[in-house]
């Protein structure tokens, strides 16, 4: 591990808890761990109203604006505007940092920061949350913008002295473009386990399934709602709690009203971290029917409390890598309400055994492949590369 204090910059356009997505939690925790290990960290992000004592690292806002439109899609001109500020920030601070950790979401930031740092002492760590296919980009951004985005993504794979990814799924895709030996898979299972709360589940007044996430098309929440009307789940009399908000919220509420028992679906909106922990502790099953996940953080968060998860076997869903069927949950083979309902029922029928084995899975994986270990691997490699 690197022994001398390093000056490190972490670049991402979101910051927890101002935003509450998985990526900002990961980058925030990495920054905390680096500070704990004696290094100085500047978190380069948007201008946000965050109290100075919220984080142990320095927060530097370089641009103010919205990231997403009403449909949950990144606004191209704003993504470009932020990356332009990233470029100029590092042009003005070319010799300040020993290490710069750049998120590839969006890839413009990785390209801008890496270009500005060419010829400096700084080692660039390129972190890839996901690597999309051309068809994914076209579906997300349209034919022209999608093709441009795919081209930029392919070009961006050239950058980075060290590459980090969140899953084997992303590593396999990335290696099609760059066969880097300096690739580290981040262990994210223990991302929130540094909190010191009791993990034992509470006994709810009524059993319920839980969904946590943004209400966007890729999450396939409609399939979960429709699964509640399948015979396997109707006869269990179980409820469904849906946490989060997004552009699809109103449509999902409308969809739930079509059910034979609409009162069994509850929309909770945004909740505090403490309330989310209680919901996860008490849930019978965490259900994440998403067709696209770079890691599947909610699966590990639920497992922390001994709550098993059900996910779907979609080509772009890395969260299925986390599931060992019968130990910490199950994988539905198709994105259909009947398929999902059948697997959820299987989890409910084995709930007691799954709770014990899910908790054991979490403990084992936290020790063997946690984020602490990943940060140590990064610092060890940084130390090797910085030697004359």
Protein backbone atom coordinates (compact mmCIF):
# COMPACT_ATOMS: atom_id res chain seq x y z
CA UNK A 1 0.00 0.00 0.00
CA UNK A 2 1.19 3.55 -0.72
CA UNK A 3 2.72 4.93 2.49
CA UNK A 4 3.28 8.59 1.70
CA UNK A 5 0.22 10.88 1.71
CA UNK A 6 -1.21 11.44 -1.75
CA UNK A 7 -3.17 14.37 -3.13
CA UNK A 8 -6.19 12.78 -4.83
CA UNK A 9 -9.11 14.16 -6.86
CA UNK A 10 -12.35 12.21 -7.31
CA UNK A 11 -14.54 13.48 -10.16
CA UNK A 12 -18.27 12.81 -10.44
CA UNK A 13 -21.17 15.17 -11.11
CA UNK A 14 -23.30 13.85 -8.22
CA UNK A 15 -22.60 13.85 -4.49
CA UNK A 16 -24.22 11.88 -1.69
CA UNK A 17 -26.42 12.80 0.18
CA UNK A 18 -27.42 15.68 -2.12
CA UNK A 19 -28.19 12.89 -4.61
CA UNK A 20 -28.86 9.34 -3.45
CA UNK A 21 -27.95 7.05 -6.35
CA UNK A 22 -25.57 4.13 -6.12
CA UNK A 23 -22.61 5.75 -7.91
CA UNK A 24 -22.41 8.77 -5.62
CA UNK A 25 -22.53 6.44 -2.60
CA UNK A 26 -19.62 4.45 -4.02
CA UNK A 27 -17.46 7.48 -4.87
CA UNK A 28 -18.26 9.12 -1.54
CA UNK A 29 -17.26 5.99 0.38
CA UNK A 30 -14.06 5.57 -1.64
CA UNK A 31 -13.19 9.18 -0.80
CA UNK A 32 -13.86 8.56 2.89
CA UNK A 33 -11.66 5.46 2.93
CA UNK A 34 -8.82 7.32 1.20
CA UNK A 35 -9.00 10.06 3.85
CA UNK A 36 -9.05 7.43 6.61
CA UNK A 37 -5.83 6.04 5.13
CA UNK A 38 -4.12 9.42 5.47
CA UNK A 39 -4.58 10.88 1.99
CA UNK A 40 -5.97 14.28 0.98
CA UNK A 41 -9.07 14.13 -1.24
CA UNK A 42 -10.86 16.81 -3.29
CA UNK A 43 -14.28 15.70 -4.59
CA UNK A 44 -14.90 17.57 -7.85
CA UNK A 45 -18.61 17.89 -8.57
CA UNK A 46 -21.47 20.30 -9.20
CA UNK A 47 -22.10 23.37 -7.05
CA UNK A 48 -24.40 22.02 -4.33
CA UNK A 49 -25.81 23.36 -1.10
CA UNK A 50 -23.96 20.94 1.19
CA UNK A 51 -22.70 22.00 4.65
CA UNK A 52 -18.91 22.02 4.87
CA UNK A 53 -18.78 19.53 7.75
CA UNK A 54 -20.88 16.89 5.95
CA UNK A 55 -17.86 15.07 4.54
CA UNK A 56 -14.29 14.37 5.72
CA UNK A 57 -13.02 15.34 2.26
CA UNK A 58 -13.06 18.70 0.48
CA UNK A 59 -16.00 19.29 -1.90
CA UNK A 60 -15.24 21.55 -4.87
CA UNK A 61 -18.20 22.63 -6.99
CA UNK A 62 -17.25 23.65 -10.52
CA UNK A 63 -20.60 23.95 -12.34
CA UNK A 64 -24.26 24.49 -11.50
CA UNK A 65 -27.13 22.96 -13.48
CA UNK A 66 -29.51 20.04 -13.91
CA UNK A 67 -28.29 16.66 -15.14
CA UNK A 68 -31.50 14.98 -16.30
CA UNK A 69 -34.61 15.90 -18.25
CA UNK A 70 -38.16 14.96 -17.19
CA UNK A 71 -37.75 11.48 -18.70
CA UNK A 72 -34.67 10.71 -16.61
CA UNK A 73 -32.25 11.07 -19.55
CA UNK A 74 -29.01 13.01 -19.21
CA UNK A 75 -29.17 16.39 -20.95
CA UNK A 76 -26.35 16.32 -23.57
CA UNK A 77 -25.54 20.04 -23.49
CA UNK A 78 -25.29 19.98 -19.68
CA UNK A 79 -23.11 16.88 -19.73
CA UNK A 80 -20.83 18.73 -22.13
CA UNK A 81 -20.90 21.88 -19.97
CA UNK A 82 -19.81 19.98 -16.86
CA UNK A 83 -17.05 18.12 -18.73
CA UNK A 84 -15.78 21.44 -20.12
CA UNK A 85 -15.46 22.72 -16.56
CA UNK A 86 -13.65 19.48 -15.64
CA UNK A 87 -11.18 20.10 -18.46
CA UNK A 88 -10.43 23.66 -17.38
CA UNK A 89 -10.24 22.74 -13.71
CA UNK A 90 -7.41 20.30 -14.42
CA UNK A 91 -5.73 22.65 -16.90
CA UNK A 92 -5.50 25.16 -14.03
CA UNK A 93 -4.45 22.45 -11.54
CA UNK A 94 -2.25 20.30 -13.77
CA UNK A 95 0.44 19.64 -11.18
CA UNK A 96 -1.67 19.61 -8.03
CA UNK A 97 -2.74 15.95 -7.85
CA UNK A 98 -0.90 12.65 -7.62
CA UNK A 99 -3.98 10.60 -8.49
CA UNK A 100 -7.21 11.55 -10.28
CA UNK A 101 -10.18 9.19 -10.04
CA UNK A 102 -12.48 9.86 -13.00
CA UNK A 103 -15.92 8.34 -13.46
CA UNK A 104 -16.82 7.27 -16.99
CA UNK A 105 -20.41 8.37 -16.32
CA UNK A 106 -20.59 10.29 -18.54
CA UNK A 107 -17.56 9.46 -20.68
CA UNK A 108 -17.05 13.13 -21.52
CA UNK A 109 -15.68 13.67 -17.99
CA UNK A 110 -13.15 10.88 -18.44
CA UNK A 111 -12.03 12.25 -21.80
CA UNK A 112 -11.88 15.85 -20.58
CA UNK A 113 -9.99 15.15 -17.37
CA UNK A 114 -7.54 12.72 -18.96
CA UNK A 115 -6.78 15.10 -21.84
CA UNK A 116 -6.11 18.01 -19.48
CA UNK A 117 -3.72 15.86 -17.43
CA UNK A 118 -1.64 14.52 -20.33
CA UNK A 119 2.06 14.95 -19.61
CA UNK A 120 1.61 15.48 -15.85
CA UNK A 121 2.65 13.31 -12.91
CA UNK A 122 -0.96 12.43 -12.13
CA UNK A 123 -2.05 8.81 -12.43
CA UNK A 124 -5.57 8.55 -13.86
CA UNK A 125 -7.97 5.93 -12.51
CA UNK A 126 -10.82 5.37 -14.97
CA UNK A 127 -13.88 3.91 -13.29
CA UNK A 128 -16.46 2.18 -15.49
CA UNK A 129 -19.90 1.74 -13.96
CA UNK A 130 -21.20 0.30 -17.22
CA UNK A 131 -20.16 -0.29 -20.83
CA UNK A 132 -23.07 -0.02 -23.27
CA UNK A 133 -23.58 -1.57 -26.68
CA UNK A 134 -24.38 0.53 -29.74
CA UNK A 135 -28.02 -0.60 -29.63
CA UNK A 136 -28.32 0.48 -25.99
CA UNK A 137 -26.97 3.93 -26.78
CA UNK A 138 -29.32 4.37 -29.74
CA UNK A 139 -32.31 3.36 -27.64
CA UNK A 140 -31.29 5.75 -24.86
CA UNK A 141 -30.29 8.80 -26.94
CA UNK A 142 -31.71 8.26 -30.42
CA UNK A 143 -29.94 7.11 -33.58
CA UNK A 144 -27.58 10.06 -34.13
CA UNK A 145 -26.76 10.97 -30.52
CA UNK A 146 -26.55 7.27 -29.62
CA UNK A 147 -23.99 6.62 -32.36
CA UNK A 148 -21.95 9.63 -31.20
CA UNK A 149 -22.13 8.49 -27.57
CA UNK A 150 -21.00 4.99 -28.52
CA UNK A 151 -18.07 6.43 -30.46
CA UNK A 152 -17.07 8.59 -27.49
CA UNK A 153 -17.34 5.59 -25.16
CA UNK A 154 -15.06 3.53 -27.43
CA UNK A 155 -12.55 6.39 -27.59
CA UNK A 156 -12.68 6.83 -23.79
CA UNK A 157 -11.56 3.24 -23.21
CA UNK A 158 -8.07 4.38 -24.28
CA UNK A 159 -7.69 6.49 -21.14
CA UNK A 160 -6.66 5.53 -17.63
CA UNK A 161 -3.46 4.20 -16.03
CA UNK A 162 -5.62 2.01 -13.79
CA UNK A 163 -9.09 0.72 -14.66
CA UNK A 164 -11.77 -0.05 -12.07
CA UNK A 165 -15.14 -1.73 -12.67
CA UNK A 166 -18.09 -2.77 -10.51
CA UNK A 167 -18.72 -6.26 -11.90
CA UNK A 168 -17.28 -9.10 -13.96
CA UNK A 169 -20.01 -8.30 -16.48
CA UNK A 170 -18.58 -4.81 -17.10
CA UNK A 171 -15.01 -6.12 -17.07
CA UNK A 172 -15.82 -8.58 -19.87
CA UNK A 173 -17.35 -5.86 -22.03
CA UNK A 174 -14.49 -3.45 -21.38
CA UNK A 175 -11.84 -6.00 -22.32
CA UNK A 176 -13.31 -6.15 -25.82
CA UNK A 177 -11.88 -2.64 -26.29
CA UNK A 178 -8.88 -2.66 -23.99
CA UNK A 179 -7.08 -5.69 -22.61
CA UNK A 180 -5.65 -3.86 -19.59
CA UNK A 181 -3.81 -5.84 -16.93
CA UNK A 182 -4.29 -2.97 -14.49
CA UNK A 183 -7.96 -3.71 -13.91
CA UNK A 184 -9.46 -3.92 -10.43
CA UNK A 185 -13.01 -5.03 -9.66
CA UNK A 186 -14.37 -2.96 -6.81
CA UNK A 187 -15.90 -4.99 -4.00
CA UNK A 188 -19.06 -3.08 -3.12
CA UNK A 189 -20.88 -5.59 -0.94
CA UNK A 190 -19.76 -3.83 2.25
CA UNK A 191 -20.47 -0.31 0.98
CA UNK A 192 -22.78 0.59 3.88
CA UNK A 193 -21.70 -1.99 6.45
CA UNK A 194 -19.56 0.56 8.30
CA UNK A 195 -22.79 1.79 9.91
CA UNK A 196 -23.21 0.36 13.39
CA UNK A 197 -26.88 -0.61 13.46
CA UNK A 198 -28.34 -3.92 14.62
CA UNK A 199 -29.06 -6.07 11.58
CA UNK A 200 -31.69 -8.30 13.17
CA UNK A 201 -35.01 -8.01 11.27
CA UNK A 202 -38.02 -6.42 12.87
CA UNK A 203 -41.32 -8.29 12.77
CA UNK A 204 -43.76 -6.23 10.66
CA UNK A 205 -47.50 -6.14 11.29
CA UNK A 206 -47.97 -7.45 7.76
CA UNK A 207 -45.52 -9.12 5.38
CA UNK A 208 -44.42 -7.15 2.34
CA UNK A 209 -42.17 -7.17 -0.72
CA UNK A 210 -39.88 -4.19 -1.24
CA UNK A 211 -38.69 -2.30 -4.31
CA UNK A 212 -36.10 0.48 -3.97
CA UNK A 213 -34.90 2.62 -6.87
CA UNK A 214 -35.63 5.35 -9.40
CA UNK A 215 -38.91 5.00 -11.24
CA UNK A 216 -37.61 4.70 -14.79
CA UNK A 217 -38.36 2.29 -17.63
CA UNK A 218 -35.21 0.21 -17.18
CA UNK A 219 -36.28 -0.78 -13.66
CA UNK A 220 -39.33 -2.64 -15.07
CA UNK A 221 -41.47 -1.84 -12.02
CA UNK A 222 -44.66 -2.39 -14.03
CA UNK A 223 -43.80 -6.08 -14.30
CA UNK A 224 -43.50 -6.25 -10.52
CA UNK A 225 -46.85 -4.52 -10.03
CA UNK A 226 -48.51 -6.90 -12.50
CA UNK A 227 -46.90 -9.84 -10.68
CA UNK A 228 -48.99 -8.90 -7.65
CA UNK A 229 -52.08 -10.03 -9.62
CA UNK A 230 -50.69 -13.49 -10.32
CA UNK A 231 -52.35 -16.37 -8.39
CA UNK A 232 -49.10 -17.28 -6.58
CA UNK A 233 -48.94 -13.88 -4.91
CA UNK A 234 -52.67 -13.15 -4.55
CA UNK A 235 -53.07 -16.12 -2.25
CA UNK A 236 -50.18 -14.99 -0.01
CA UNK A 237 -52.02 -11.73 0.77
CA UNK A 238 -48.63 -9.98 0.78
CA UNK A 239 -48.18 -6.23 0.20
CA UNK A 240 -45.72 -4.41 -2.05
CA UNK A 241 -43.91 -1.29 -0.84
CA UNK A 242 -42.35 0.85 -3.57
CA UNK A 243 -39.65 3.31 -2.49
CA UNK A 244 -38.36 6.13 -4.69
CA UNK A 245 -39.67 8.50 -7.34
CA UNK A 246 -39.07 9.23 -11.02
CA UNK A 247 -40.65 10.02 -14.37
CA UNK A 248 -42.72 6.81 -14.31
CA UNK A 249 -44.26 7.28 -10.86
CA UNK A 250 -47.67 8.52 -12.01
CA UNK A 251 -47.95 5.76 -14.59
CA UNK A 252 -47.06 3.16 -11.98
CA UNK A 253 -49.74 4.46 -9.63
CA UNK A 254 -52.24 4.18 -12.48
CA UNK A 255 -51.05 0.64 -13.19
CA UNK A 256 -51.48 -0.38 -9.56
CA UNK A 257 -55.11 0.78 -9.59
CA UNK A 258 -55.86 -1.88 -12.22
CA UNK A 259 -55.03 -4.69 -9.80
CA UNK A 260 -57.70 -6.83 -8.21
CA UNK A 261 -56.33 -5.66 -4.83
CA UNK A 262 -54.87 -2.18 -5.48
CA UNK A 263 -54.70 -1.45 -1.77
CA UNK A 264 -51.84 -3.95 -1.48
CA UNK A 265 -49.42 -1.66 -3.38
CA UNK A 266 -48.07 1.31 -1.41
CA UNK A 267 -45.93 4.11 -2.88
CA UNK A 268 -43.68 5.49 -0.14
CA UNK A 269 -41.72 8.06 -2.18
CA UNK A 270 -38.31 9.12 -0.92
CA UNK A 271 -37.43 7.95 2.57
CA UNK A 272 -34.58 8.68 4.97
CA UNK A 273 -31.65 6.28 5.30
CA UNK A 274 -32.84 5.19 8.75
CA UNK A 275 -36.34 4.45 7.46
CA UNK A 276 -34.93 2.60 4.46
CA UNK A 277 -32.87 0.42 6.80
CA UNK A 278 -36.00 -0.47 8.77
CA UNK A 279 -37.91 -1.25 5.59
CA UNK A 280 -35.13 -3.55 4.41
CA UNK A 281 -34.88 -5.23 7.81
CA UNK A 282 -38.58 -6.03 7.80
CA UNK A 283 -39.14 -6.95 4.15
CA UNK A 284 -39.73 -10.59 3.26
CA UNK A 285 -38.05 -10.19 -0.14
CA UNK A 286 -36.29 -7.35 -1.92
CA UNK A 287 -37.37 -7.40 -5.58
CA UNK A 288 -35.26 -5.67 -8.24
CA UNK A 289 -36.73 -6.49 -11.68
CA UNK A 290 -34.33 -4.13 -13.48
CA UNK A 291 -33.11 -5.05 -16.95
CA UNK A 292 -29.96 -2.90 -16.60
CA UNK A 293 -27.68 -2.72 -13.56
CA UNK A 294 -23.97 -1.98 -13.43
CA UNK A 295 -23.67 -3.75 -10.08
CA UNK A 296 -26.95 -4.13 -8.18
CA UNK A 297 -26.16 -2.24 -5.00
CA UNK A 298 -29.65 -2.70 -3.58
CA UNK A 299 -29.10 -6.48 -3.54
CA UNK A 300 -26.08 -6.16 -1.24
CA UNK A 301 -27.83 -3.51 0.87
CA UNK A 302 -30.75 -5.85 1.44
CA UNK A 303 -28.42 -8.78 2.17
CA UNK A 304 -26.81 -6.74 4.92
CA UNK A 305 -30.07 -7.16 6.83
CA UNK A 306 -30.50 -10.81 5.89
CA UNK A 307 -33.18 -9.97 3.32
CA UNK A 308 -33.01 -12.12 0.16
CA UNK A 309 -33.46 -10.64 -3.32
CA UNK A 310 -35.17 -11.61 -6.54
CA UNK A 311 -33.75 -10.28 -9.82
CA UNK A 312 -34.29 -11.00 -13.52
CA UNK A 313 -31.91 -12.70 -15.95
CA UNK A 314 -31.51 -9.87 -18.45
CA UNK A 315 -28.38 -9.54 -20.68
CA UNK A 316 -27.39 -6.15 -19.24
CA UNK A 317 -28.20 -6.89 -15.62
CA UNK A 318 -25.00 -7.35 -13.59
CA UNK A 319 -26.95 -7.81 -10.34
CA UNK A 320 -27.68 -11.42 -11.28
CA UNK A 321 -23.95 -12.11 -10.66
CA UNK A 322 -24.60 -11.42 -6.98
CA UNK A 323 -27.34 -14.04 -6.60
CA UNK A 324 -26.58 -17.61 -5.57
CA UNK A 325 -29.99 -19.29 -6.06
CA UNK A 326 -31.29 -20.74 -2.84
CA UNK A 327 -28.70 -18.93 -0.72
CA UNK A 328 -29.38 -15.20 -1.00
CA UNK A 329 -32.33 -15.16 -3.41
CA UNK A 330 -33.43 -16.30 -6.85
CA UNK A 331 -33.21 -15.23 -10.49
CA UNK A 332 -36.35 -15.09 -12.66
CA UNK A 333 -35.57 -16.32 -16.16
CA UNK A 334 -37.90 -13.96 -18.04
CA UNK A 335 -39.18 -10.39 -17.73
CA UNK A 336 -42.79 -11.46 -17.36
CA UNK A 337 -45.20 -11.04 -14.46
CA UNK A 338 -45.92 -14.78 -14.16
CA UNK A 339 -42.21 -15.72 -14.18
CA UNK A 340 -41.39 -13.07 -11.58
CA UNK A 341 -44.34 -14.01 -9.36
CA UNK A 342 -43.36 -17.68 -9.41
CA UNK A 343 -39.81 -16.95 -8.24
CA UNK A 344 -40.98 -14.48 -5.58
CA UNK A 345 -43.32 -17.14 -4.23
CA UNK A 346 -40.41 -19.57 -4.07
CA UNK A 347 -38.46 -17.05 -2.00
CA UNK A 348 -41.43 -16.49 0.30
CA UNK A 349 -41.86 -20.23 0.85
CA UNK A 350 -38.19 -20.47 1.90
CA UNK A 351 -37.98 -17.14 3.71
CA UNK A 352 -36.68 -18.34 7.07
CA UNK A 353 -33.83 -20.41 5.61
CA UNK A 354 -32.99 -17.69 3.09
CA UNK A 355 -32.67 -15.05 5.80
CA UNK A 356 -29.98 -16.97 7.62
CA UNK A 357 -28.02 -17.92 4.50
CA UNK A 358 -28.35 -14.42 3.00
CA UNK A 359 -26.80 -12.85 6.08
CA UNK A 360 -23.96 -15.38 6.02
CA UNK A 361 -23.40 -14.64 2.31
CA UNK A 362 -23.12 -10.94 3.12
CA UNK A 363 -20.63 -11.48 5.96
CA UNK A 364 -18.45 -13.81 3.86
CA UNK A 365 -18.37 -11.50 0.84
CA UNK A 366 -17.76 -8.37 2.92
CA UNK A 367 -14.62 -9.95 4.33
CA UNK A 368 -13.31 -11.46 1.10
CA UNK A 369 -14.12 -8.78 -1.47
CA UNK A 370 -15.15 -5.57 0.27
CA UNK A 371 -14.45 -1.98 -0.68
CA UNK A 372 -11.71 -1.67 1.98
CA UNK A 373 -9.79 -4.40 0.19
CA UNK A 374 -10.37 -2.78 -3.22
CA UNK A 375 -9.04 0.58 -2.06
CA UNK A 376 -5.94 -1.17 -0.72
CA UNK A 377 -5.44 -2.84 -4.11
CA UNK A 378 -5.72 0.53 -5.85
CA UNK A 379 -3.19 2.14 -3.52
CA UNK A 380 -0.78 -0.79 -3.90
CA UNK A 381 -0.90 -0.42 -7.69
CA UNK A 382 -0.55 3.36 -7.45
CA UNK A 383 2.57 2.87 -5.33
CA UNK A 384 4.08 0.50 -7.91
CA UNK A 385 3.34 2.83 -10.84
CA UNK A 386 4.73 5.89 -9.06
CA UNK A 387 8.11 4.31 -8.42
CA UNK A 388 10.89 5.89 -10.56
